[in-house]
Structures are given as C-alpha cells and as structure tokens.
Amino acid sequence: PHTPTECCFSYIKSPLRLSVLKGFYMTPKECFSTAVVFETRNGTKVCANPAMTWVEKVVERLQKKKELRA
C-alpha cells in the first residue's frame, strides 16, 4: 500500500523552547529536504532545519529526556 509521507517544505525561523516540546522525529528519506519535525505538547508539528545549532541542541536534550524515562 502507498502511504503518504510527511515532508517539510519550509523551516521554522526562530528557536523553540524545550518546555513546549513533547518529542521529535526525522522526515522520511523520500522527502526532498531533510528536516526534524518537533511535536509540541498541544499536538502541533513544526519543521526545523537539522543543520541549525539550536535544532541539534534541542534534539540532544529531548533524547536525554527520553533515556531518563526509559
């Protein structure tokens, strides 16, 4: 079956606060541009550029949080 993939076509410009984020995932490799998709606590999904320093830092912190809960 063909499942639609979720791709990002633009990135958020300003950094997001860690406190509003619930999780993240990478867009599938079928997408034209690579992106980190952040999920906020209220269910919003936001595309971010994985090359940005703030994105790397937030991803790192979210991974640490996840490990602590495991």
PDB file of N, CA and C in Angstrom:
ATOM      1  N   PRO A   1       0.826  -1.209   0.000  1.00  0.00           N
ATOM      2  CA  PRO A   1       0.000   0.000   0.000  1.00  0.00           C
ATOM      3  C   PRO A   1       0.865   1.265   0.000  1.00  0.00           C
ATOM      4  N   HIS A   2       0.383   2.265  -0.669  1.00  0.00           N
ATOM      5  CA  HIS A   2       1.117   3.536  -0.721  1.00  0.00           C
ATOM      6  C   HIS A   2       0.655   4.438   0.410  1.00  0.00           C
ATOM      7  N   THR A   3       1.559   4.663   1.346  1.00  0.00           N
ATOM      8  CA  THR A   3       1.210   5.554   2.447  1.00  0.00           C
ATOM      9  C   THR A   3       1.829   6.917   2.187  1.00  0.00           C
ATOM     10  N   PRO A   4       1.085   7.981   2.412  1.00  0.00           N
ATOM     11  CA  PRO A   4       1.647   9.311   2.176  1.00  0.00           C
ATOM     12  C   PRO A   4       2.748   9.613   3.186  1.00  0.00           C
ATOM     13  N   THR A   5       3.820  10.210   2.715  1.00  0.00           N
ATOM     14  CA  THR A   5       4.899  10.573   3.629  1.00  0.00           C
ATOM     15  C   THR A   5       4.751  12.036   4.009  1.00  0.00           C
ATOM     16  N   GLU A   6       5.177  12.342   5.187  1.00  0.00           N
ATOM     17  CA  GLU A   6       5.095  13.715   5.675  1.00  0.00           C
ATOM     18  C   GLU A   6       6.423  14.405   5.412  1.00  0.00           C
ATOM     19  N   CYS A   7       6.402  15.389   4.534  1.00  0.00           N
ATOM     20  CA  CYS A   7       7.615  16.122   4.192  1.00  0.00           C
ATOM     21  C   CYS A   7       7.491  17.587   4.604  1.00  0.00           C
ATOM     22  N   CYS A   8       8.632  18.209   4.804  1.00  0.00           N
ATOM     23  CA  CYS A   8       8.665  19.626   5.163  1.00  0.00           C
ATOM     24  C   CYS A   8       9.114  20.439   3.959  1.00  0.00           C
ATOM     25  N   PHE A   9       8.454  21.550   3.741  1.00  0.00           N
ATOM     26  CA  PHE A   9       8.818  22.409   2.618  1.00  0.00           C
ATOM     27  C   PHE A   9       9.373  23.754   3.082  1.00  0.00           C
ATOM     28  N   SER A  10       9.263  24.017   4.364  1.00  0.00           N
ATOM     29  CA  SER A  10       9.872  25.219   4.936  1.00  0.00           C
ATOM     30  C   SER A  10      10.202  24.935   6.394  1.00  0.00           C
ATOM     31  N   TYR A  11      11.140  25.703   6.920  1.00  0.00           N
ATOM     32  CA  TYR A  11      11.590  25.517   8.300  1.00  0.00           C
ATOM     33  C   TYR A  11      11.149  26.681   9.179  1.00  0.00           C
ATOM     34  N   ILE A  12      10.977  26.393  10.465  1.00  0.00           N
ATOM     35  CA  ILE A  12      10.691  27.455  11.429  1.00  0.00           C
ATOM     36  C   ILE A  12      11.947  28.326  11.537  1.00  0.00           C
ATOM     37  N   LYS A  13      11.764  29.611  11.686  1.00  0.00           N
ATOM     38  CA  LYS A  13      12.908  30.529  11.721  1.00  0.00           C
ATOM     39  C   LYS A  13      13.473  30.716  13.135  1.00  0.00           C
ATOM     40  N   SER A  14      12.591  30.829  14.116  1.00  0.00           N
ATOM     41  CA  SER A  14      13.076  31.101  15.473  1.00  0.00           C
ATOM     42  C   SER A  14      13.097  29.833  16.320  1.00  0.00           C
ATOM     43  N   PRO A  15      14.040  29.744  17.260  1.00  0.00           N
ATOM     44  CA  PRO A  15      14.147  28.568  18.129  1.00  0.00           C
ATOM     45  C   PRO A  15      12.900  28.335  18.981  1.00  0.00           C
ATOM     46  N   LEU A  16      12.640  27.074  19.261  1.00  0.00           N
ATOM     47  CA  LEU A  16      11.515  26.694  20.119  1.00  0.00           C
ATOM     48  C   LEU A  16      12.031  26.412  21.524  1.00  0.00           C
ATOM     49  N   ARG A  17      11.210  26.699  22.515  1.00  0.00           N
ATOM     50  CA  ARG A  17      11.593  26.398  23.899  1.00  0.00           C
ATOM     51  C   ARG A  17      11.388  24.909  24.155  1.00  0.00           C
ATOM     52  N   LEU A  18      12.328  24.321  24.847  1.00  0.00           N
ATOM     53  CA  LEU A  18      12.276  22.901  25.179  1.00  0.00           C
ATOM     54  C   LEU A  18      11.018  22.558  25.966  1.00  0.00           C
ATOM     55  N   SER A  19      10.561  23.479  26.804  1.00  0.00           N
ATOM     56  CA  SER A  19       9.399  23.231  27.662  1.00  0.00           C
ATOM     57  C   SER A  19       8.099  22.997  26.892  1.00  0.00           C
ATOM     58  N   VAL A  20       8.011  23.478  25.646  1.00  0.00           N
ATOM     59  CA  VAL A  20       6.778  23.288  24.875  1.00  0.00           C
ATOM     60  C   VAL A  20       6.820  22.033  24.003  1.00  0.00           C
ATOM     61  N   LEU A  21       7.965  21.361  23.979  1.00  0.00           N
ATOM     62  CA  LEU A  21       8.123  20.212  23.097  1.00  0.00           C
ATOM     63  C   LEU A  21       7.884  18.880  23.778  1.00  0.00           C
ATOM     64  N   LYS A  22       7.258  17.972  23.027  1.00  0.00           N
ATOM     65  CA  LYS A  22       6.938  16.643  23.535  1.00  0.00           C
ATOM     66  C   LYS A  22       7.875  15.597  22.932  1.00  0.00           C
ATOM     67  N   GLY A  23       8.245  15.795  21.679  1.00  0.00           N
ATOM     68  CA  GLY A  23       9.095  14.824  21.000  1.00  0.00           C
ATOM     69  C   GLY A  23       9.499  15.319  19.623  1.00  0.00           C
ATOM     70  N   PHE A  24      10.168  14.450  18.874  1.00  0.00           N
ATOM     71  CA  PHE A  24      10.613  14.806  17.528  1.00  0.00           C
ATOM     72  C   PHE A  24      10.830  13.547  16.709  1.00  0.00           C
ATOM     73  N   TYR A  25      10.888  13.714  15.407  1.00  0.00           N
ATOM     74  CA  TYR A  25      11.287  12.639  14.507  1.00  0.00           C
ATOM     75  C   TYR A  25      11.844  13.265  13.235  1.00  0.00           C
ATOM     76  N   MET A  26      12.566  12.461  12.460  1.00  0.00           N
ATOM     77  CA  MET A  26      13.132  12.934  11.203  1.00  0.00           C
ATOM     78  C   MET A  26      12.136  12.652  10.082  1.00  0.00           C
ATOM     79  N   THR A  27      12.142  13.489   9.061  1.00  0.00           N
ATOM     80  CA  THR A  27      11.285  13.219   7.909  1.00  0.00           C
ATOM     81  C   THR A  27      11.858  12.014   7.164  1.00  0.00           C
ATOM     82  N   PRO A  28      11.010  11.259   6.457  1.00  0.00           N
ATOM     83  CA  PRO A  28      11.490  10.081   5.724  1.00  0.00           C
ATOM     84  C   PRO A  28      12.485  10.450   4.622  1.00  0.00           C
ATOM     85  N   LYS A  29      13.328   9.505   4.239  1.00  0.00           N
ATOM     86  CA  LYS A  29      14.349   9.788   3.224  1.00  0.00           C
ATOM     87  C   LYS A  29      13.754  10.066   1.838  1.00  0.00           C
ATOM     88  N   GLU A  30      12.485   9.718   1.623  1.00  0.00           N
ATOM     89  CA  GLU A  30      11.812  10.007   0.353  1.00  0.00           C
ATOM     90  C   GLU A  30      11.573  11.509   0.163  1.00  0.00           C
ATOM     91  N   CYS A  31      11.621  12.252   1.243  1.00  0.00           N
ATOM     92  CA  CYS A  31      11.381  13.696   1.169  1.00  0.00           C
ATOM     93  C   CYS A  31      12.547  14.408   0.495  1.00  0.00           C
ATOM     94  N   PHE A  32      12.230  15.474  -0.207  1.00  0.00           N
ATOM     95  CA  PHE A  32      13.236  16.252  -0.925  1.00  0.00           C
ATOM     96  C   PHE A  32      14.239  16.902   0.033  1.00  0.00           C
ATOM     97  N   SER A  33      13.748  17.495   1.104  1.00  0.00           N
ATOM     98  CA  SER A  33      14.660  18.116   2.071  1.00  0.00           C
ATOM     99  C   SER A  33      14.539  17.441   3.436  1.00  0.00           C
ATOM    100  N   THR A  34      15.687  17.206   4.047  1.00  0.00           N
ATOM    101  CA  THR A  34      15.741  16.590   5.367  1.00  0.00           C
ATOM    102  C   THR A  34      15.267  17.597   6.406  1.00  0.00           C
ATOM    103  N   ALA A  35      14.503  17.129   7.369  1.00  0.00           N
ATOM    104  CA  ALA A  35      14.032  18.024   8.420  1.00  0.00           C
ATOM    105  C   ALA A  35      13.791  17.257   9.710  1.00  0.00           C
ATOM    106  N   VAL A  36      13.860  17.989  10.812  1.00  0.00           N
ATOM    107  CA  VAL A  36      13.461  17.460  12.106  1.00  0.00           C
ATOM    108  C   VAL A  36      12.050  18.000  12.329  1.00  0.00           C
ATOM    109  N   VAL A  37      11.127  17.117  12.682  1.00  0.00           N
ATOM    110  CA  VAL A  37       9.763  17.556  12.972  1.00  0.00           C
ATOM    111  C   VAL A  37       9.591  17.506  14.482  1.00  0.00           C
ATOM    112  N   PHE A  38       9.396  18.664  15.088  1.00  0.00           N
ATOM    113  CA  PHE A  38       9.163  18.735  16.528  1.00  0.00           C
ATOM    114  C   PHE A  38       7.670  18.659  16.789  1.00  0.00           C
ATOM    115  N   GLU A  39       7.285  17.871  17.795  1.00  0.00           N
ATOM    116  CA  GLU A  39       5.883  17.802  18.207  1.00  0.00           C
ATOM    117  C   GLU A  39       5.743  18.578  19.508  1.00  0.00           C
ATOM    118  N   THR A  40       4.813  19.530  19.528  1.00  0.00           N
ATOM    119  CA  THR A  40       4.608  20.319  20.739  1.00  0.00           C
ATOM    120  C   THR A  40       3.594  19.623  21.641  1.00  0.00           C
ATOM    121  N   ARG A  41       3.532  20.070  22.870  1.00  0.00           N
ATOM    122  CA  ARG A  41       2.611  19.474  23.843  1.00  0.00           C
ATOM    123  C   ARG A  41       1.145  19.599  23.430  1.00  0.00           C
ATOM    124  N   ASN A  42       0.818  20.629  22.643  1.00  0.00           N
ATOM    125  CA  ASN A  42      -0.580  20.787  22.211  1.00  0.00           C
ATOM    126  C   ASN A  42      -0.860  20.098  20.872  1.00  0.00           C
ATOM    127  N   GLY A  43       0.102  19.301  20.381  1.00  0.00           N
ATOM    128  CA  GLY A  43      -0.117  18.500  19.181  1.00  0.00           C
ATOM    129  C   GLY A  43       0.306  19.118  17.859  1.00  0.00           C
ATOM    130  N   THR A  44       0.854  20.320  17.900  1.00  0.00           N
ATOM    131  CA  THR A  44       1.315  20.973  16.681  1.00  0.00           C
ATOM    132  C   THR A  44       2.631  20.343  16.227  1.00  0.00           C
ATOM    133  N   LYS A  45       2.805  20.222  14.919  1.00  0.00           N
ATOM    134  CA  LYS A  45       4.061  19.708  14.373  1.00  0.00           C
ATOM    135  C   LYS A  45       4.764  20.838  13.648  1.00  0.00           C
ATOM    136  N   VAL A  46       6.049  21.005  13.951  1.00  0.00           N
ATOM    137  CA  VAL A  46       6.822  22.112  13.407  1.00  0.00           C
ATOM    138  C   VAL A  46       8.092  21.581  12.746  1.00  0.00           C
ATOM    139  N   CYS A  47       8.344  22.013  11.520  1.00  0.00           N
ATOM    140  CA  CYS A  47       9.543  21.590  10.793  1.00  0.00           C
ATOM    141  C   CYS A  47      10.724  22.493  11.145  1.00  0.00           C
ATOM    142  N   ALA A  48      11.886  21.857  11.348  1.00  0.00           N
ATOM    143  CA  ALA A  48      13.087  22.622  11.679  1.00  0.00           C
ATOM    144  C   ALA A  48      14.272  22.097  10.867  1.00  0.00           C
ATOM    145  N   ASN A  49      15.212  22.981  10.593  1.00  0.00           N
ATOM    146  CA  ASN A  49      16.397  22.637   9.819  1.00  0.00           C
ATOM    147  C   ASN A  49      17.402  21.904  10.713  1.00  0.00           C
ATOM    148  N   PRO A  50      17.720  20.631  10.398  1.00  0.00           N
ATOM    149  CA  PRO A  50      18.632  19.862  11.242  1.00  0.00           C
ATOM    150  C   PRO A  50      20.058  20.414  11.279  1.00  0.00           C
ATOM    151  N   ALA A  51      20.399  21.300  10.346  1.00  0.00           N
ATOM    152  CA  ALA A  51      21.739  21.885  10.319  1.00  0.00           C
ATOM    153  C   ALA A  51      21.890  23.058  11.289  1.00  0.00           C
ATOM    154  N   MET A  52      20.781  23.560  11.816  1.00  0.00           N
ATOM    155  CA  MET A  52      20.838  24.692  12.739  1.00  0.00           C
ATOM    156  C   MET A  52      21.319  24.236  14.113  1.00  0.00           C
ATOM    157  N   THR A  53      22.163  25.026  14.742  1.00  0.00           N
ATOM    158  CA  THR A  53      22.726  24.691  16.045  1.00  0.00           C
ATOM    159  C   THR A  53      21.653  24.484  17.100  1.00  0.00           C
ATOM    160  N   TRP A  54      20.649  25.367  17.151  1.00  0.00           N
ATOM    161  CA  TRP A  54      19.612  25.246  18.182  1.00  0.00           C
ATOM    162  C   TRP A  54      18.819  23.953  18.011  1.00  0.00           C
ATOM    163  N   VAL A  55      18.636  23.516  16.758  1.00  0.00           N
ATOM    164  CA  VAL A  55      17.896  22.277  16.492  1.00  0.00           C
ATOM    165  C   VAL A  55      18.688  21.087  17.038  1.00  0.00           C
ATOM    166  N   GLU A  56      19.990  21.066  16.774  1.00  0.00           N
ATOM    167  CA  GLU A  56      20.857  19.994  17.279  1.00  0.00           C
ATOM    168  C   GLU A  56      20.795  19.923  18.799  1.00  0.00           C
ATOM    169  N   LYS A  57      20.859  21.078  19.452  1.00  0.00           N
ATOM    170  CA  LYS A  57      20.838  21.117  20.918  1.00  0.00           C
ATOM    171  C   LYS A  57      19.516  20.616  21.482  1.00  0.00           C
ATOM    172  N   VAL A  58      18.406  21.035  20.884  1.00  0.00           N
ATOM    173  CA  VAL A  58      17.083  20.614  21.357  1.00  0.00           C
ATOM    174  C   VAL A  58      16.899  19.110  21.153  1.00  0.00           C
ATOM    175  N   VAL A  59      17.327  18.595  19.997  1.00  0.00           N
ATOM    176  CA  VAL A  59      17.236  17.156  19.719  1.00  0.00           C
ATOM    177  C   VAL A  59      18.030  16.378  20.771  1.00  0.00           C
ATOM    178  N   GLU A  60      19.234  16.854  21.057  1.00  0.00           N
ATOM    179  CA  GLU A  60      20.097  16.220  22.062  1.00  0.00           C
ATOM    180  C   GLU A  60      19.401  16.169  23.428  1.00  0.00           C
ATOM    181  N   ARG A  61      18.810  17.283  23.835  1.00  0.00           N
ATOM    182  CA  ARG A  61      18.128  17.347  25.134  1.00  0.00           C
ATOM    183  C   ARG A  61      16.901  16.449  25.176  1.00  0.00           C
ATOM    184  N   LEU A  62      16.143  16.409  24.083  1.00  0.00           N
ATOM    185  CA  LEU A  62      14.955  15.553  24.034  1.00  0.00           C
ATOM    186  C   LEU A  62      15.354  14.077  24.099  1.00  0.00           C
ATOM    187  N   GLN A  63      16.473  13.721  23.466  1.00  0.00           N
ATOM    188  CA  GLN A  63      16.953  12.339  23.522  1.00  0.00           C
ATOM    189  C   GLN A  63      17.357  11.970  24.946  1.00  0.00           C
ATOM    190  N   LYS A  64      18.005  12.891  25.646  1.00  0.00           N
ATOM    191  CA  LYS A  64      18.406  12.639  27.037  1.00  0.00           C
ATOM    192  C   LYS A  64      17.184  12.445  27.922  1.00  0.00           C
ATOM    193  N   LYS A  65      16.174  13.287  27.732  1.00  0.00           N
ATOM    194  CA  LYS A  65      14.925  13.172  28.497  1.00  0.00           C
ATOM    195  C   LYS A  65      14.295  11.800  28.286  1.00  0.00           C
ATOM    196  N   LYS A  66      14.291  11.357  27.028  1.00  0.00           N
ATOM    197  CA  LYS A  66      13.702  10.079  26.653  1.00  0.00           C
ATOM    198  C   LYS A  66      14.446   8.928  27.345  1.00  0.00           C
ATOM    199  N   GLU A  67      15.782   9.020  27.371  1.00  0.00           N
ATOM    200  CA  GLU A  67      16.607   7.987  28.011  1.00  0.00           C
ATOM    201  C   GLU A  67      16.338   7.917  29.508  1.00  0.00           C
ATOM    202  N   LEU A  68      16.112   9.058  30.127  1.00  0.00           N
ATOM    203  CA  LEU A  68      15.841   9.088  31.566  1.00  0.00           C
ATOM    204  C   LEU A  68      14.521   8.399  31.897  1.00  0.00           C
ATOM    205  N   ARG A  69      13.553   8.519  30.974  1.00  0.00           N
ATOM    206  CA  ARG A  69      12.244   7.902  31.194  1.00  0.00           C
ATOM    207  C   ARG A  69      12.238   6.404  30.905  1.00  0.00           C
ATOM    208  N   ALA A  70      13.187   5.941  30.105  1.00  0.00           N
ATOM    209  CA  ALA A  70      13.220   4.522  29.697  1.00  0.00           C
ATOM    210  C   ALA A  70      13.617   3.604  30.843  1.00  0.00           C
TER     211      ALA A  70
END
